[in-house]
Amino acid sequence: MRDCPSPAAVEATVLRDFGVCPGRVGLEPLSLDFERRMLKKADRDIAAARRRIRNQEGLLATLEQDGRDTAHARELLGVFRETLQMMVEHCQLIVEQVERLNRRDRVQ
């Protein structure tokens, strides 16, 4: 049997890797640097999601050309597109937070 880390240990590792102090209450950012890292990650995730959508569109076209059932492929493409929209909206929230932190830092 493999020794697996506890969910709490996994969470602490993920939070540490993203620059968040485990045990910190709330979702307030630690720093402008943290938010900028999150923005870069969001941009990479969006680019990857767009690649997945293009790939799925290609697979869908192939299925259609072969006369195969495309219902599941279309459904998955819809999920990919909805997910991308949520990712874009989340990215916008990060952009707005970066702007707020920039204004705060200029005032201080």
N, C-alpha and C. Protein backbone atom coordinates (compact mmCIF):
# COMPACT_ATOMS: atom_id res chain seq x y z
N MET A 1 0.84 -1.18 0.00
CA MET A 1 0.00 0.00 0.00
C MET A 1 0.89 1.25 0.00
N ARG A 2 0.56 2.21 -0.82
CA ARG A 2 1.33 3.46 -0.90
C ARG A 2 0.94 4.41 0.22
N ASP A 3 1.94 5.13 0.69
CA ASP A 3 1.67 6.19 1.66
C ASP A 3 1.28 7.44 0.89
N CYS A 4 0.07 7.88 1.06
CA CYS A 4 -0.41 9.08 0.39
C CYS A 4 -0.49 10.22 1.40
N PRO A 5 -0.12 11.43 0.95
CA PRO A 5 -0.23 12.57 1.88
C PRO A 5 -1.69 12.85 2.19
N SER A 6 -1.92 13.41 3.34
CA SER A 6 -3.27 13.76 3.73
C SER A 6 -3.76 14.92 2.88
N PRO A 7 -5.07 15.08 2.75
CA PRO A 7 -5.60 16.24 2.00
C PRO A 7 -5.08 17.56 2.55
N ALA A 8 -4.94 17.65 3.87
CA ALA A 8 -4.43 18.90 4.47
C ALA A 8 -2.99 19.16 4.04
N ALA A 9 -2.18 18.10 3.96
CA ALA A 9 -0.79 18.27 3.53
C ALA A 9 -0.72 18.70 2.07
N VAL A 10 -1.56 18.12 1.24
CA VAL A 10 -1.60 18.50 -0.17
C VAL A 10 -2.02 19.96 -0.30
N GLU A 11 -3.06 20.35 0.44
CA GLU A 11 -3.53 21.74 0.39
C GLU A 11 -2.42 22.70 0.83
N ALA A 12 -1.73 22.37 1.91
CA ALA A 12 -0.65 23.24 2.40
C ALA A 12 0.45 23.38 1.37
N THR A 13 0.77 22.30 0.67
CA THR A 13 1.81 22.34 -0.36
C THR A 13 1.38 23.23 -1.52
N VAL A 14 0.15 23.06 -1.96
CA VAL A 14 -0.36 23.87 -3.07
C VAL A 14 -0.38 25.35 -2.69
N LEU A 15 -0.88 25.64 -1.51
CA LEU A 15 -0.94 27.02 -1.06
C LEU A 15 0.46 27.62 -0.95
N ARG A 16 1.40 26.86 -0.42
CA ARG A 16 2.77 27.34 -0.30
C ARG A 16 3.35 27.63 -1.69
N ASP A 17 3.11 26.73 -2.63
CA ASP A 17 3.64 26.91 -3.99
C ASP A 17 3.06 28.15 -4.66
N PHE A 18 1.85 28.55 -4.26
CA PHE A 18 1.24 29.75 -4.82
C PHE A 18 1.54 30.98 -3.98
N GLY A 19 2.31 30.82 -2.93
CA GLY A 19 2.71 31.96 -2.13
C GLY A 19 1.69 32.38 -1.09
N VAL A 20 0.83 31.46 -0.68
CA VAL A 20 -0.18 31.76 0.31
C VAL A 20 0.22 31.09 1.62
N CYS A 21 0.06 31.79 2.70
CA CYS A 21 0.38 31.23 4.02
C CYS A 21 -0.75 30.31 4.46
N PRO A 22 -0.45 29.02 4.70
CA PRO A 22 -1.50 28.16 5.25
C PRO A 22 -1.98 28.71 6.58
N GLY A 23 -3.26 28.64 6.80
CA GLY A 23 -3.83 29.16 8.03
C GLY A 23 -4.28 30.60 7.91
N ARG A 24 -3.94 31.28 6.82
CA ARG A 24 -4.37 32.65 6.62
C ARG A 24 -5.87 32.65 6.36
N VAL A 25 -6.60 33.50 7.01
CA VAL A 25 -8.05 33.54 6.88
C VAL A 25 -8.43 34.44 5.71
N GLY A 26 -9.41 34.01 4.93
CA GLY A 26 -9.92 34.81 3.83
C GLY A 26 -9.10 34.66 2.57
N LEU A 27 -9.51 35.37 1.54
CA LEU A 27 -8.88 35.27 0.24
C LEU A 27 -8.12 36.53 -0.14
N GLU A 28 -7.84 37.37 0.83
CA GLU A 28 -7.13 38.61 0.55
C GLU A 28 -5.73 38.28 0.01
N PRO A 29 -5.30 38.93 -1.03
CA PRO A 29 -3.99 38.61 -1.60
C PRO A 29 -2.87 39.00 -0.66
N LEU A 30 -1.78 38.27 -0.77
CA LEU A 30 -0.62 38.60 0.04
C LEU A 30 0.13 39.79 -0.54
N SER A 31 0.14 39.87 -1.87
CA SER A 31 0.95 40.92 -2.48
C SER A 31 0.58 41.11 -3.93
N LEU A 32 1.06 42.22 -4.46
CA LEU A 32 0.90 42.48 -5.89
C LEU A 32 1.65 41.42 -6.69
N ASP A 33 2.81 41.01 -6.18
CA ASP A 33 3.59 39.97 -6.85
C ASP A 33 2.78 38.67 -6.96
N PHE A 34 2.10 38.31 -5.88
CA PHE A 34 1.26 37.11 -5.88
C PHE A 34 0.18 37.22 -6.96
N GLU A 35 -0.50 38.34 -7.01
CA GLU A 35 -1.57 38.52 -8.00
C GLU A 35 -1.02 38.48 -9.42
N ARG A 36 0.16 39.04 -9.61
CA ARG A 36 0.78 38.99 -10.95
C ARG A 36 1.12 37.56 -11.34
N ARG A 37 1.59 36.77 -10.38
CA ARG A 37 1.85 35.34 -10.67
C ARG A 37 0.56 34.63 -11.03
N MET A 38 -0.51 34.95 -10.30
CA MET A 38 -1.80 34.33 -10.60
C MET A 38 -2.31 34.75 -11.98
N LEU A 39 -2.04 36.00 -12.36
CA LEU A 39 -2.45 36.48 -13.68
C LEU A 39 -1.69 35.73 -14.78
N LYS A 40 -0.40 35.53 -14.58
CA LYS A 40 0.38 34.76 -15.57
C LYS A 40 -0.14 33.34 -15.68
N LYS A 41 -0.45 32.74 -14.54
CA LYS A 41 -0.99 31.38 -14.57
C LYS A 41 -2.35 31.36 -15.27
N ALA A 42 -3.18 32.32 -14.99
CA ALA A 42 -4.50 32.38 -15.64
C ALA A 42 -4.34 32.53 -17.15
N ASP A 43 -3.39 33.36 -17.58
CA ASP A 43 -3.14 33.52 -19.01
C ASP A 43 -2.70 32.21 -19.65
N ARG A 44 -1.82 31.48 -18.96
CA ARG A 44 -1.37 30.18 -19.49
C ARG A 44 -2.53 29.19 -19.55
N ASP A 45 -3.37 29.19 -18.52
CA ASP A 45 -4.51 28.28 -18.48
C ASP A 45 -5.50 28.59 -19.60
N ILE A 46 -5.71 29.87 -19.87
CA ILE A 46 -6.62 30.27 -20.95
C ILE A 46 -6.07 29.84 -22.30
N ALA A 47 -4.78 30.03 -22.50
CA ALA A 47 -4.16 29.60 -23.76
C ALA A 47 -4.31 28.09 -23.94
N ALA A 48 -4.10 27.33 -22.87
CA ALA A 48 -4.26 25.88 -22.94
C ALA A 48 -5.70 25.49 -23.23
N ALA A 49 -6.65 26.20 -22.62
CA ALA A 49 -8.07 25.92 -22.86
C ALA A 49 -8.42 26.19 -24.32
N ARG A 50 -7.89 27.26 -24.87
CA ARG A 50 -8.15 27.57 -26.29
C ARG A 50 -7.57 26.48 -27.20
N ARG A 51 -6.40 25.96 -26.83
CA ARG A 51 -5.82 24.86 -27.62
C ARG A 51 -6.71 23.61 -27.54
N ARG A 52 -7.24 23.32 -26.35
CA ARG A 52 -8.13 22.17 -26.20
C ARG A 52 -9.39 22.34 -27.04
N ILE A 53 -9.90 23.55 -27.08
CA ILE A 53 -11.10 23.80 -27.88
C ILE A 53 -10.80 23.59 -29.36
N ARG A 54 -9.68 24.14 -29.84
CA ARG A 54 -9.30 23.93 -31.25
C ARG A 54 -9.13 22.45 -31.56
N ASN A 55 -8.49 21.73 -30.65
CA ASN A 55 -8.30 20.29 -30.84
C ASN A 55 -9.65 19.57 -30.89
N GLN A 56 -10.54 19.92 -29.97
CA GLN A 56 -11.85 19.28 -29.94
C GLN A 56 -12.64 19.60 -31.20
N GLU A 57 -12.53 20.83 -31.69
CA GLU A 57 -13.21 21.19 -32.94
C GLU A 57 -12.68 20.34 -34.10
N GLY A 58 -11.39 20.11 -34.12
CA GLY A 58 -10.81 19.25 -35.15
C GLY A 58 -11.30 17.82 -35.04
N LEU A 59 -11.35 17.30 -33.83
CA LEU A 59 -11.85 15.94 -33.62
C LEU A 59 -13.31 15.84 -34.03
N LEU A 60 -14.08 16.86 -33.71
CA LEU A 60 -15.49 16.88 -34.07
C LEU A 60 -15.66 16.87 -35.59
N ALA A 61 -14.85 17.66 -36.27
CA ALA A 61 -14.92 17.70 -37.74
C ALA A 61 -14.59 16.32 -38.32
N THR A 62 -13.60 15.66 -37.77
CA THR A 62 -13.23 14.32 -38.24
C THR A 62 -14.36 13.33 -38.02
N LEU A 63 -14.98 13.40 -36.84
CA LEU A 63 -16.11 12.51 -36.56
C LEU A 63 -17.24 12.75 -37.56
N GLU A 64 -17.52 14.03 -37.82
CA GLU A 64 -18.59 14.36 -38.77
C GLU A 64 -18.26 13.83 -40.17
N GLN A 65 -17.02 14.01 -40.60
CA GLN A 65 -16.60 13.52 -41.93
C GLN A 65 -16.72 12.01 -42.03
N ASP A 66 -16.48 11.34 -40.93
CA ASP A 66 -16.57 9.87 -40.92
C ASP A 66 -17.99 9.37 -40.69
N GLY A 67 -18.95 10.30 -40.53
CA GLY A 67 -20.34 9.92 -40.32
C GLY A 67 -20.60 9.32 -38.95
N ARG A 68 -19.77 9.66 -37.98
CA ARG A 68 -19.90 9.10 -36.64
C ARG A 68 -20.80 9.99 -35.78
N ASP A 69 -21.27 9.41 -34.68
CA ASP A 69 -22.09 10.15 -33.73
C ASP A 69 -21.23 11.22 -33.07
N THR A 70 -21.72 12.44 -33.05
CA THR A 70 -20.95 13.56 -32.50
C THR A 70 -21.57 14.16 -31.24
N ALA A 71 -22.60 13.54 -30.72
CA ALA A 71 -23.32 14.12 -29.59
C ALA A 71 -22.41 14.37 -28.39
N HIS A 72 -21.65 13.38 -28.02
CA HIS A 72 -20.77 13.53 -26.85
C HIS A 72 -19.65 14.53 -27.13
N ALA A 73 -19.12 14.48 -28.34
CA ALA A 73 -18.04 15.42 -28.70
C ALA A 73 -18.55 16.85 -28.67
N ARG A 74 -19.76 17.06 -29.16
CA ARG A 74 -20.35 18.41 -29.12
C ARG A 74 -20.61 18.86 -27.68
N GLU A 75 -21.10 17.93 -26.87
CA GLU A 75 -21.35 18.26 -25.46
C GLU A 75 -20.05 18.65 -24.76
N LEU A 76 -18.99 17.89 -25.01
CA LEU A 76 -17.71 18.20 -24.40
C LEU A 76 -17.17 19.55 -24.89
N LEU A 77 -17.34 19.82 -26.17
CA LEU A 77 -16.92 21.12 -26.71
C LEU A 77 -17.67 22.25 -26.02
N GLY A 78 -18.95 22.06 -25.77
CA GLY A 78 -19.72 23.07 -25.04
C GLY A 78 -19.20 23.28 -23.63
N VAL A 79 -18.83 22.20 -22.97
CA VAL A 79 -18.27 22.31 -21.62
C VAL A 79 -16.94 23.06 -21.68
N PHE A 80 -16.11 22.74 -22.66
CA PHE A 80 -14.83 23.44 -22.82
C PHE A 80 -15.06 24.94 -23.02
N ARG A 81 -16.03 25.28 -23.84
CA ARG A 81 -16.29 26.70 -24.11
C ARG A 81 -16.82 27.41 -22.87
N GLU A 82 -17.71 26.76 -22.13
CA GLU A 82 -18.22 27.36 -20.89
C GLU A 82 -17.09 27.55 -19.88
N THR A 83 -16.23 26.55 -19.79
CA THR A 83 -15.10 26.63 -18.86
C THR A 83 -14.17 27.77 -19.25
N LEU A 84 -13.91 27.90 -20.54
CA LEU A 84 -13.06 29.00 -21.02
C LEU A 84 -13.68 30.34 -20.63
N GLN A 85 -14.97 30.48 -20.78
CA GLN A 85 -15.63 31.74 -20.42
C GLN A 85 -15.44 32.05 -18.94
N MET A 86 -15.58 31.03 -18.10
CA MET A 86 -15.37 31.24 -16.66
C MET A 86 -13.91 31.60 -16.37
N MET A 87 -13.00 31.00 -17.10
CA MET A 87 -11.58 31.30 -16.90
C MET A 87 -11.29 32.75 -17.29
N VAL A 88 -11.87 33.20 -18.39
CA VAL A 88 -11.68 34.59 -18.83
C VAL A 88 -12.25 35.55 -17.79
N GLU A 89 -13.43 35.23 -17.27
CA GLU A 89 -14.03 36.08 -16.24
C GLU A 89 -13.16 36.11 -14.98
N HIS A 90 -12.62 34.98 -14.59
CA HIS A 90 -11.73 34.93 -13.43
C HIS A 90 -10.47 35.75 -13.68
N CYS A 91 -9.94 35.64 -14.88
CA CYS A 91 -8.76 36.43 -15.24
C CYS A 91 -9.05 37.92 -15.12
N GLN A 92 -10.22 38.32 -15.53
CA GLN A 92 -10.60 39.73 -15.42
C GLN A 92 -10.64 40.18 -13.97
N LEU A 93 -11.12 39.30 -13.09
CA LEU A 93 -11.12 39.63 -11.66
C LEU A 93 -9.69 39.83 -11.15
N ILE A 94 -8.79 39.01 -11.61
CA ILE A 94 -7.39 39.15 -11.20
C ILE A 94 -6.82 40.47 -11.72
N VAL A 95 -7.13 40.80 -12.98
CA VAL A 95 -6.67 42.08 -13.55
C VAL A 95 -7.18 43.24 -12.70
N GLU A 96 -8.45 43.19 -12.32
CA GLU A 96 -9.02 44.26 -11.50
C GLU A 96 -8.32 44.34 -10.14
N GLN A 97 -8.00 43.19 -9.56
CA GLN A 97 -7.30 43.20 -8.28
C GLN A 97 -5.88 43.77 -8.43
N VAL A 98 -5.21 43.43 -9.51
CA VAL A 98 -3.88 43.99 -9.76
C VAL A 98 -3.97 45.51 -9.88
N GLU A 99 -4.99 45.99 -10.58
CA GLU A 99 -5.17 47.44 -10.72
C GLU A 99 -5.42 48.09 -9.36
N ARG A 100 -6.26 47.46 -8.52
CA ARG A 100 -6.51 48.00 -7.18
C ARG A 100 -5.22 48.06 -6.36
N LEU A 101 -4.44 47.00 -6.43
CA LEU A 101 -3.19 46.96 -5.66
C LEU A 101 -2.19 47.98 -6.19
N ASN A 102 -2.17 48.18 -7.50
CA ASN A 102 -1.30 49.20 -8.07
C ASN A 102 -1.69 50.58 -7.55
N ARG A 103 -2.99 50.87 -7.53
CA ARG A 103 -3.46 52.17 -7.02
C ARG A 103 -3.12 52.31 -5.54
N ARG A 104 -3.33 51.24 -4.78
CA ARG A 104 -3.01 51.28 -3.35
C ARG A 104 -1.53 51.56 -3.12
N ASP A 105 -0.68 50.92 -3.90
CA ASP A 105 0.76 51.10 -3.74
C ASP A 105 1.20 52.50 -4.13
N ARG A 106 0.51 53.10 -5.11
CA ARG A 106 0.86 54.48 -5.51
C ARG A 106 0.48 55.47 -4.42
N VAL A 107 -0.61 55.19 -3.70
CA VAL A 107 -1.08 56.07 -2.63
C VAL A 107 -0.17 56.00 -1.42
N GLN A 108 0.35 54.83 -1.13
CA GLN A 108 1.16 54.62 0.08
C GLN A 108 2.53 55.23 -0.03
